[in-house]
Protein backbone atom coordinates (compact mmCIF):
# COMPACT_ATOMS: atom_id res chain seq x y z
CA MET A 1 53.54 117.77 -72.00
CA GLY A 2 53.03 121.46 -71.81
CA CYS A 3 50.68 122.75 -74.51
CA SER A 4 48.87 126.03 -75.08
CA SER A 5 46.60 127.25 -77.70
CA LEU A 6 46.63 128.60 -81.20
CA ARG A 7 45.14 132.05 -80.52
CA LEU A 8 44.12 134.61 -83.14
CA PRO A 9 45.50 138.20 -82.25
CA ALA A 10 43.16 141.12 -82.57
CA TRP A 11 45.00 142.60 -85.57
CA ALA A 12 44.48 139.29 -87.46
CA ALA A 13 41.01 138.68 -86.50
CA ALA A 14 39.67 141.67 -88.45
CA ALA A 15 37.20 140.61 -91.09
CA PRO A 16 38.10 141.00 -94.81
CA PRO A 17 37.02 144.24 -96.36
CA SER A 18 34.47 142.54 -98.50
CA ALA A 19 33.07 140.32 -95.48
CA PRO A 20 29.93 141.18 -93.42
CA SER A 21 30.46 142.65 -90.04
CA ASP A 22 29.38 139.47 -88.14
CA TRP A 23 31.82 137.34 -90.24
CA ARG A 24 33.48 134.54 -88.22
CA GLY A 25 36.14 132.05 -89.21
CA ARG A 26 35.60 128.28 -88.85
CA ARG A 27 37.60 126.38 -86.30
CA PRO A 28 40.09 123.98 -87.94
CA HIS A 29 39.14 120.33 -87.61
CA ARG A 30 40.47 119.09 -84.29
CA GLY A 31 41.03 115.48 -85.18
CA LEU A 32 40.85 112.40 -82.78
CA LEU A 33 43.90 113.17 -80.57
CA ALA A 34 44.45 111.93 -77.08
CA ARG A 35 46.21 115.29 -76.49
CA ARG A 36 45.49 118.70 -77.72
CA CYS A 37 48.53 120.72 -78.55
CA CYS A 38 47.23 123.39 -80.93
CA SER A 39 43.62 124.39 -80.68
CA ALA A 40 41.62 126.58 -83.01
CA PRO A 41 41.88 130.30 -82.95
CA SER A 42 40.14 132.25 -80.25
CA SER A 43 40.25 135.93 -79.30
CA THR A 44 41.15 135.40 -75.73
CA PRO A 45 44.34 137.19 -74.80
CA SER A 46 47.00 135.39 -72.79
CA ALA A 47 49.67 136.70 -70.51
CA ALA A 48 52.41 134.65 -72.29
CA ALA A 49 51.50 136.52 -75.59
CA ALA A 50 51.80 139.94 -73.92
CA ALA A 51 55.23 138.90 -72.90
CA ALA A 52 56.22 137.88 -76.32
CA PRO A 53 59.59 139.31 -77.49
CA SER A 54 59.01 142.90 -78.76
CA HIS A 55 62.04 142.86 -81.20
CA LEU A 56 60.35 140.52 -83.82
CA ARG A 57 59.62 142.65 -86.68
CA VAL A 58 56.55 141.20 -88.04
CA GLY A 59 54.21 144.12 -88.52
CA ARG A 60 52.87 145.71 -85.16
CA GLU A 61 52.96 144.01 -81.88
CA HIS A 62 50.66 141.11 -81.65
CA GLU A 63 49.89 137.87 -79.86
CA TRP A 64 51.62 134.88 -81.29
CA VAL A 65 49.30 132.93 -83.58
CA TRP A 66 51.21 129.54 -83.10
CA ASP A 67 51.94 128.32 -79.61
CA CYS A 68 52.75 124.66 -78.97
CA ARG A 69 55.38 123.53 -76.56
CA GLY A 70 56.71 120.29 -77.80
CA GLY A 71 59.39 118.21 -76.33
CA GLY A 72 57.77 115.08 -75.14
CA ILE A 73 55.71 113.88 -72.11
CA GLY A 74 56.32 115.90 -69.05
CA GLY A 75 56.47 119.24 -70.72
CA GLY A 76 59.53 121.66 -70.54
CA GLY A 77 59.59 121.97 -74.27
CA ARG A 78 60.43 125.21 -75.84
CA ASP A 79 57.61 127.41 -77.30
CA TYR A 80 58.56 128.11 -81.08
CA ALA A 81 55.73 130.52 -81.52
CA ARG A 82 57.69 133.24 -83.28
CA GLU A 83 59.99 130.93 -85.23
CA MET A 84 56.91 129.01 -86.63
CA GLU A 85 54.90 132.15 -87.49
CA VAL A 86 57.71 133.87 -89.17
CA ALA A 87 58.57 130.55 -91.13
CA VAL A 88 55.00 130.16 -92.40
CA ARG A 89 54.95 133.85 -93.51
CA VAL A 90 58.35 133.77 -95.12
CA VAL A 91 57.41 130.60 -97.12
CA GLN A 92 54.15 132.22 -98.27
CA ALA A 93 56.15 135.17 -99.57
CA ALA A 94 58.59 132.82 -101.31
CA CYS A 95 55.66 130.89 -102.98
CA THR A 96 54.51 134.19 -104.49
CA LEU A 97 57.89 134.73 -106.17
CA CYS A 98 58.04 131.17 -107.47
CA GLN A 99 54.54 131.38 -108.98
CA ARG A 100 55.39 134.57 -110.83
CA VAL A 101 58.66 133.15 -112.27
CA GLN A 102 57.03 129.86 -113.18
CA GLY A 103 54.38 131.74 -115.05
CA SER A 104 57.03 133.68 -116.90
CA LEU A 105 58.90 130.49 -117.71
CA LEU A 106 55.72 129.05 -119.23
CA HIS A 107 55.25 132.18 -121.36
CA PRO A 108 58.71 132.94 -122.53
CA ALA A 109 57.67 136.29 -124.20
CA SER A 110 57.25 137.77 -120.76
CA GLY A 111 60.94 137.25 -119.86
CA ALA A 112 61.99 135.17 -116.80
CA GLY A 113 65.79 134.80 -117.41
CA GLY A 114 65.34 131.39 -118.76
CA VAL A 115 66.88 128.23 -117.20
CA HIS A 116 70.61 127.66 -116.39
CA SER A 117 72.52 124.43 -115.57
CA LYS A 118 74.75 124.09 -112.45
CA LEU A 119 78.07 122.12 -112.66
CA ASP A 120 76.20 118.91 -111.99
CA ARG A 121 73.93 119.66 -114.90
CA SER A 122 70.81 120.05 -112.76
CA PRO A 123 68.67 123.06 -113.69
CA VAL A 124 68.50 126.32 -111.70
CA THR A 125 66.29 129.32 -112.35
CA VAL A 126 65.74 132.90 -111.11
CA ALA A 127 63.25 131.47 -108.48
CA ASP A 128 66.09 129.16 -106.88
CA TRP A 129 68.34 132.13 -106.30
CA GLY A 130 65.37 134.58 -105.67
CA VAL A 131 63.78 132.46 -102.89
CA GLN A 132 67.06 131.88 -101.18
CA ALA A 133 67.80 135.65 -101.23
CA ILE A 134 64.36 136.63 -99.84
CA VAL A 135 64.21 134.01 -97.20
CA SER A 136 67.75 134.90 -96.00
CA TRP A 137 66.89 138.61 -95.96
CA LEU A 138 63.51 138.15 -94.14
CA LEU A 139 64.85 135.69 -91.52
CA SER A 140 67.86 138.08 -90.82
CA ASP A 141 65.41 141.04 -90.59
CA CYS A 142 62.91 139.30 -88.31
CA PHE A 143 65.51 137.87 -85.85
CA GLN A 144 67.84 140.77 -85.93
CA ASP A 145 69.56 140.22 -82.62
CA GLU A 146 70.22 136.62 -83.30
CA ASN A 147 72.97 134.96 -85.31
CA ILE A 148 70.94 133.45 -88.15
CA SER A 149 72.56 130.35 -89.57
CA ILE A 150 71.19 128.79 -92.79
CA VAL A 151 72.03 125.71 -94.76
CA ALA A 152 70.80 126.03 -98.31
CA GLU A 153 71.25 124.50 -101.77
CA GLU A 154 72.45 127.43 -103.82
CA ASP A 155 75.46 129.49 -103.95
CA ASP A 156 76.36 132.76 -105.75
CA GLU A 157 79.14 131.50 -107.92
CA THR A 158 77.22 131.75 -111.23
CA LEU A 159 75.49 135.00 -110.42
CA SER A 160 78.79 136.57 -109.43
CA SER A 161 80.44 135.64 -112.65
CA ARG A 162 80.75 137.69 -115.79
CA ASP A 163 78.33 135.33 -117.61
CA GLY A 164 75.79 135.54 -114.87
CA ALA A 165 75.47 139.35 -114.88
CA ALA A 166 72.35 139.37 -117.07
CA PHE A 167 70.66 136.61 -115.07
CA LEU A 168 71.51 138.44 -111.84
CA GLU A 169 69.35 141.35 -113.06
CA TYR A 170 66.27 139.09 -113.24
CA VAL A 171 66.91 137.79 -109.87
CA VAL A 172 67.17 141.31 -108.46
CA ASP A 173 63.98 142.31 -110.00
CA ALA A 174 62.10 139.26 -108.80
CA VAL A 175 63.31 139.70 -105.23
CA ASN A 176 62.43 143.38 -105.07
CA GLY A 177 59.09 142.69 -106.59
CA CYS A 178 58.32 140.28 -103.93
CA LEU A 179 59.86 142.20 -100.90
CA ILE A 180 57.86 145.22 -101.68
CA GLU A 181 54.69 143.25 -100.91
CA ALA A 182 56.12 141.75 -97.71
CA PRO A 183 53.43 143.47 -95.60
CA ARG A 184 50.69 141.33 -97.15
CA TYR A 185 52.39 138.53 -95.14
CA GLY A 186 52.83 140.51 -92.00
CA LEU A 187 56.48 141.05 -92.72
CA ARG A 188 58.65 144.17 -93.23
CA SER A 189 59.81 145.43 -96.57
CA PRO A 190 63.30 146.88 -97.00
CA GLU A 191 63.43 150.70 -96.59
CA LYS A 192 64.87 150.89 -100.16
CA GLU A 193 65.22 148.42 -103.09
CA LEU A 194 67.97 145.96 -102.74
CA LYS A 195 70.85 146.19 -105.00
CA ALA A 196 72.74 143.33 -106.71
CA HIS A 197 75.49 143.16 -104.02
CA ASP A 198 72.62 143.05 -101.36
CA ILE A 199 71.18 140.02 -103.11
CA LEU A 200 74.52 138.26 -103.55
CA GLN A 201 75.19 138.99 -99.92
CA ALA A 202 71.98 137.48 -98.75
CA ILE A 203 72.68 134.33 -100.75
CA ARG A 204 76.16 133.97 -99.46
CA ARG A 205 74.82 134.19 -95.87
CA CYS A 206 73.31 130.67 -96.45
CA ASN A 207 76.73 129.10 -95.87
CA SER A 208 76.15 127.00 -92.78
CA THR A 209 77.25 123.32 -92.94
CA GLY A 210 74.95 122.09 -90.30
CA GLY A 211 76.17 119.57 -87.68
CA PRO A 212 75.07 118.18 -84.46
CA GLU A 213 75.10 121.35 -82.09
CA GLY A 214 73.39 124.67 -82.31
CA ARG A 215 70.54 125.97 -84.37
CA PHE A 216 70.34 126.49 -87.96
CA TRP A 217 67.58 126.68 -90.70
CA VAL A 218 67.56 124.45 -93.64
CA LEU A 219 66.26 125.66 -96.96
CA ASP A 220 65.54 124.21 -100.37
CA PRO A 221 64.46 127.28 -102.35
CA VAL A 222 62.82 125.19 -105.07
CA ASP A 223 62.57 121.56 -104.40
CA GLY A 224 61.90 119.74 -107.72
CA THR A 225 63.35 122.50 -110.13
CA LEU A 226 62.67 120.15 -112.98
CA GLY A 227 58.98 119.95 -112.14
CA PHE A 228 59.09 123.74 -111.70
CA VAL A 229 60.41 124.43 -115.17
CA ARG A 230 57.92 122.00 -116.60
CA GLY A 231 55.01 123.80 -115.01
CA ASP A 232 54.44 120.80 -112.69
CA GLN A 233 54.81 120.25 -108.94
CA TYR A 234 57.53 121.69 -106.77
CA ALA A 235 57.87 122.88 -103.16
CA VAL A 236 59.58 125.59 -101.08
CA ALA A 237 60.89 123.82 -98.01
CA LEU A 238 62.06 125.49 -94.85
CA ALA A 239 62.94 123.72 -91.55
CA LEU A 240 64.61 124.62 -88.18
CA ILE A 241 67.13 122.21 -86.73
CA GLU A 242 68.32 122.38 -83.16
CA ASP A 243 71.13 120.09 -81.87
CA GLY A 244 70.70 117.66 -84.77
CA GLU A 245 66.83 117.40 -84.47
CA VAL A 246 64.27 118.89 -86.78
CA VAL A 247 61.99 120.95 -84.54
CA LEU A 248 59.71 122.49 -87.23
CA GLY A 249 59.03 122.33 -90.87
CA VAL A 250 57.14 124.30 -93.46
CA LEU A 251 56.36 123.20 -97.00
CA GLY A 252 55.12 125.61 -99.70
CA CYS A 253 53.39 123.67 -102.45
CA PRO A 254 52.08 126.27 -105.02
CA ASN A 255 50.72 123.76 -107.55
CA TYR A 256 49.36 121.25 -105.06
CA PRO A 257 45.62 121.74 -104.84
CA MET A 258 43.84 122.17 -101.52
CA LYS A 259 41.24 119.63 -102.57
CA LYS A 260 42.20 116.01 -103.15
CA GLU A 261 39.54 115.84 -106.10
CA TRP A 262 41.86 118.14 -108.19
CA LEU A 263 44.96 115.95 -107.95
CA ASN A 264 44.59 113.72 -111.07
CA TYR A 265 43.85 116.40 -113.67
CA HIS A 266 44.50 119.66 -111.86
CA GLN A 267 47.77 120.84 -113.53
CA ARG A 268 46.90 120.14 -117.05
CA TYR A 269 43.30 121.36 -116.80
CA TYR A 270 44.42 124.49 -114.92
CA ARG A 271 47.03 125.49 -117.49
CA LEU A 272 44.48 124.94 -120.30
CA MET A 273 41.77 126.95 -118.72
CA SER A 274 44.10 129.75 -117.67
CA LYS A 275 44.90 130.33 -121.38
CA VAL A 276 41.23 130.54 -122.25
CA SER A 277 40.12 132.64 -119.24
CA PRO A 278 42.53 133.97 -116.58
CA PRO A 279 41.18 132.73 -113.08
CA THR A 280 40.16 135.17 -110.51
CA SER A 281 41.97 135.20 -107.12
CA GLY A 282 41.12 132.23 -105.08
CA SER A 283 38.94 130.54 -107.65
CA TRP A 284 41.06 127.44 -108.15
CA HIS A 285 42.38 126.98 -104.52
CA LYS A 286 45.63 126.21 -106.39
CA GLY A 287 48.17 125.59 -103.73
CA CYS A 288 48.87 125.17 -100.06
CA VAL A 289 51.31 125.66 -97.24
CA MET A 290 51.82 122.90 -94.74
CA TYR A 291 53.54 123.18 -91.28
CA ALA A 292 54.34 121.30 -88.20
CA HIS A 293 56.24 121.44 -84.92
CA ARG A 294 57.93 118.37 -83.25
CA GLY A 295 55.99 117.06 -80.34
CA CYS A 296 52.81 118.95 -81.21
CA GLY A 297 51.01 115.93 -82.77
CA GLN A 298 49.42 117.84 -85.46
CA THR A 299 50.17 119.14 -89.02
CA TRP A 300 48.33 122.11 -90.44
CA MET A 301 47.43 123.33 -93.90
CA GLN A 302 46.52 126.81 -95.27
CA PRO A 303 45.89 128.19 -98.76
CA LEU A 304 48.35 130.40 -100.40
CA VAL A 305 48.04 134.17 -99.83
CA HIS A 306 48.78 134.66 -103.51
CA ASP A 307 45.57 132.61 -104.24
CA VAL A 308 43.24 133.88 -101.55
CA GLY A 309 44.33 137.45 -101.23
CA LYS A 310 45.46 137.63 -97.55
CA LEU A 311 47.09 135.61 -94.75
CA ASP A 312 44.33 134.63 -92.47
CA TRP A 313 45.19 131.96 -89.97
CA ARG A 314 41.54 130.95 -89.62
CA ASN A 315 41.85 129.44 -93.11
CA SER A 316 44.35 126.72 -91.64
CA ARG A 317 42.91 123.28 -90.93
CA GLU A 318 44.52 120.25 -89.45
CA VAL A 319 45.48 117.36 -91.74
CA ARG A 320 46.06 113.75 -90.83
CA VAL A 321 47.48 110.62 -92.59
CA SER A 322 45.28 108.06 -94.25
CA THR A 323 43.90 105.32 -92.15
CA VAL A 324 44.37 102.72 -95.11
CA SER A 325 46.57 99.76 -93.93
CA ASP A 326 45.83 97.28 -96.61
CA PRO A 327 48.43 97.25 -99.25
CA VAL A 328 45.81 96.53 -101.98
CA SER A 329 44.17 99.90 -101.32
CA ALA A 330 47.35 101.92 -100.71
CA THR A 331 48.82 104.42 -102.99
CA PHE A 332 52.55 104.78 -103.24
CA CYS A 333 54.79 107.64 -104.38
CA GLU A 334 58.12 107.71 -105.91
CA PRO A 335 60.39 110.39 -107.43
CA VAL A 336 59.80 111.21 -111.13
CA GLU A 337 63.53 111.27 -111.86
CA LYS A 338 65.22 107.94 -112.62
CA ALA A 339 68.66 109.43 -112.19
CA ASN A 340 68.64 109.27 -108.40
CA SER A 341 65.95 106.58 -107.76
CA SER A 342 65.46 102.99 -108.86
CA HIS A 343 61.89 102.65 -110.34
CA SER A 344 62.52 98.83 -111.08
CA PHE A 345 63.36 98.14 -107.56
CA THR A 346 60.51 100.02 -106.06
CA ALA A 347 58.28 98.25 -108.65
CA GLY A 348 59.37 94.78 -107.56
CA LEU A 349 59.09 95.82 -104.00
CA ALA A 350 55.45 97.13 -104.49
CA HIS A 351 54.42 93.91 -106.08
CA SER A 352 55.84 91.78 -103.36
CA VAL A 353 53.98 93.54 -100.52
CA GLY A 354 50.74 93.54 -102.46
CA LEU A 355 50.49 97.08 -103.82
CA ARG A 356 48.36 97.09 -106.73
CA LYS A 357 47.79 100.75 -107.70
CA GLN A 358 49.99 102.46 -110.19
CA PRO A 359 52.73 104.69 -108.50
CA LEU A 360 52.10 108.36 -108.16
CA ARG A 361 55.36 109.91 -109.55
CA VAL A 362 55.62 113.41 -108.05
CA TYR A 363 58.37 115.94 -108.24
CA SER A 364 59.82 117.30 -104.96
CA MET A 365 58.70 117.10 -101.28
CA VAL A 366 55.13 117.32 -102.38
CA LYS A 367 55.36 113.52 -101.94
CA TYR A 368 55.62 114.13 -98.20
CA ALA A 369 52.69 116.58 -98.34
CA ALA A 370 50.53 113.94 -100.02
CA ILE A 371 51.19 111.42 -97.32
CA ALA A 372 50.70 113.86 -94.53
CA ARG A 373 47.20 114.85 -95.71
CA GLY A 374 46.21 111.46 -96.57
CA ASP A 375 46.35 111.46 -100.37
CA ALA A 376 48.87 108.64 -100.43
CA GLU A 377 50.14 106.06 -98.07
CA ILE A 378 53.69 105.17 -98.94
CA PHE A 379 56.79 106.88 -100.21
CA MET A 380 59.86 104.85 -101.15
CA LYS A 381 63.12 106.06 -102.51
CA PHE A 382 66.23 103.91 -103.20
CA ALA A 383 69.05 105.82 -104.67
CA ARG A 384 71.65 104.37 -107.02
CA ALA A 385 75.13 103.78 -105.83
CA GLY A 386 77.10 106.91 -105.10
CA TYR A 387 74.06 109.15 -104.69
CA LYS A 388 73.93 110.92 -101.24
CA GLU A 389 70.71 112.48 -99.87
CA LYS A 390 70.79 116.05 -98.76
CA ILE A 391 69.11 117.23 -95.65
CA TRP A 392 67.21 120.21 -97.49
CA ASP A 393 65.49 117.45 -99.47
CA HIS A 394 63.90 115.92 -96.46
CA ALA A 395 64.04 117.95 -93.24
CA ALA A 396 60.68 119.95 -93.65
CA GLY A 397 58.90 116.81 -94.99
CA VAL A 398 59.90 114.51 -92.23
CA VAL A 399 58.41 116.57 -89.31
CA ILE A 400 55.27 117.24 -91.32
CA ILE A 401 54.67 113.42 -91.93
CA GLN A 402 55.43 112.59 -88.27
CA GLU A 403 53.16 115.07 -86.61
CA ALA A 404 50.45 114.11 -88.94
CA GLY A 405 50.61 110.60 -87.64
CA GLY A 406 53.02 108.96 -90.14
CA VAL A 407 56.30 107.10 -89.96
CA ILE A 408 59.40 107.86 -91.71
CA THR A 409 62.82 106.08 -91.44
CA ASP A 410 65.57 104.67 -93.59
CA ALA A 411 65.11 101.28 -95.01
CA GLY A 412 66.62 99.67 -91.93
CA GLY A 413 63.97 101.28 -89.67
CA ARG A 414 66.29 103.96 -88.19
CA PRO A 415 65.38 107.63 -87.90
CA LEU A 416 66.98 109.95 -90.46
CA ASP A 417 70.05 111.64 -89.04
CA PHE A 418 70.13 115.46 -89.66
CA SER A 419 73.19 116.11 -87.27
CA ARG A 420 75.96 115.07 -89.57
CA GLY A 421 76.26 118.01 -92.07
CA VAL A 422 74.56 118.76 -95.38
CA PHE A 423 74.16 114.93 -96.10
CA LEU A 424 72.19 112.24 -94.51
CA GLU A 425 75.12 110.20 -93.58
CA GLY A 426 74.69 106.68 -92.46
CA LEU A 427 71.49 106.20 -94.45
CA ASP A 428 70.60 102.42 -94.73
CA ARG A 429 69.87 101.78 -98.27
CA GLY A 430 66.87 104.22 -98.85
CA ILE A 431 63.97 106.13 -97.35
CA VAL A 432 60.51 104.75 -96.38
CA ALA A 433 57.64 106.86 -95.43
CA CYS A 434 54.22 105.60 -94.54
CA SER A 435 50.93 106.58 -93.16
CA GLY A 436 51.19 104.02 -90.41
CA PRO A 437 53.46 101.48 -88.73
CA LEU A 438 51.67 98.41 -90.25
CA LEU A 439 52.54 99.52 -93.82
CA HIS A 440 55.85 100.76 -92.72
CA HIS A 441 56.97 97.27 -91.19
CA ARG A 442 55.84 95.46 -94.34
CA ILE A 443 57.83 97.64 -96.64
CA VAL A 444 60.97 97.28 -94.51
CA ASP A 445 60.67 93.67 -94.16
CA ALA A 446 60.29 93.40 -97.99
CA VAL A 447 63.40 95.48 -98.46
CA ASP A 448 65.37 93.11 -96.26
CA ALA A 449 64.04 90.11 -98.22
CA SER A 450 64.87 91.35 -101.61
CA TRP A 451 67.89 93.64 -101.18
CA ASN A 452 70.61 91.20 -101.91
CA SER A 453 69.06 90.34 -105.21
CA SER A 454 68.97 93.92 -106.38
CA THR A 455 71.51 95.84 -108.41
CA LEU A 456 71.67 98.88 -106.22
């Protein structure tokens, strides 16, 4: 397997203005891996980096920070350095937009356009459309000479209607307010403010339907909108799929704390203390971005730029799944919403395999992040009859769990199939994600034993 290093370019290695001249970043934790795919930053230049494509418009020319060639034993895998680096930067920018909109929703007097309902009665906000617009615009700007294809959740039907005109104004303001700060993330701002028709065009460009061939990005602009509007957990999820396989994934989790100790009381306490005394930048380590590339054998996490003030790759650290294999000690996650998941079936299943802890009910793909970094061991979802899983709800999370050492399949033990359009067609009963094969086998066996007696 051909693997090279995670190297820090000279322009990114500069110390923060407030740091002493001899400041050095710590190397990320290397973990106990038999093979090393992505090492810590170093200042050693490489010939491969010097030959990096010059047309990528991510600030000035620089050596690629991410460099891991996956593809299995024997090498020959493609280097996704620029795709990974751009994806992380774009998700960082998107998280900033989400944080601002969520803050406005929680303080209605500041104005955020409120919450609308789509035709299926699910909520949608300025952030859903705003993130889709900026991700579309930034990806197109960074990869100008390539045909960017994006599968995404939202369309422009509501915004283009007469009733959506006022809401569109909020989206335009949110997008421009975020894009003007693009250089903070190593990205380029538009030469002039985007107009309403530019925003609608960017949203419309996300019209791919996926499939088994070619390359396309998959975006869920705000995964867990219900959690978002309630001031709780949500995620910005971006993945790249080639020929039906997820090759990289990035999860932005703005309300998921960097430290596990904050998990139980973080959200409520943070909101309470924020009202008493607004926190200074970086003081709460409020959120994180996680990312992984297929075949690299590692998943990484970095704090939000919005929280720490700048994007510094030396703040990234490797995360691994939990080593817990005893069901008695394991924590399992399930969706908060009962509409598309059976809590009663998962409760019975948990009891049958010996899980004793109360379930951790979490909005969005934050559940995948929790397993990838060892905060939980099991995620189970068994949808009610008629519900079809969408690829944007799982693509980024799947590769992040797998590269952190976890296992994720359908309830029959088969890999999730991202090659059949916007839905996970052929899904066997449900989805099971675990920190390791022992727990995974026990869950899958328990599903087989109890399925016929369920009402799903």
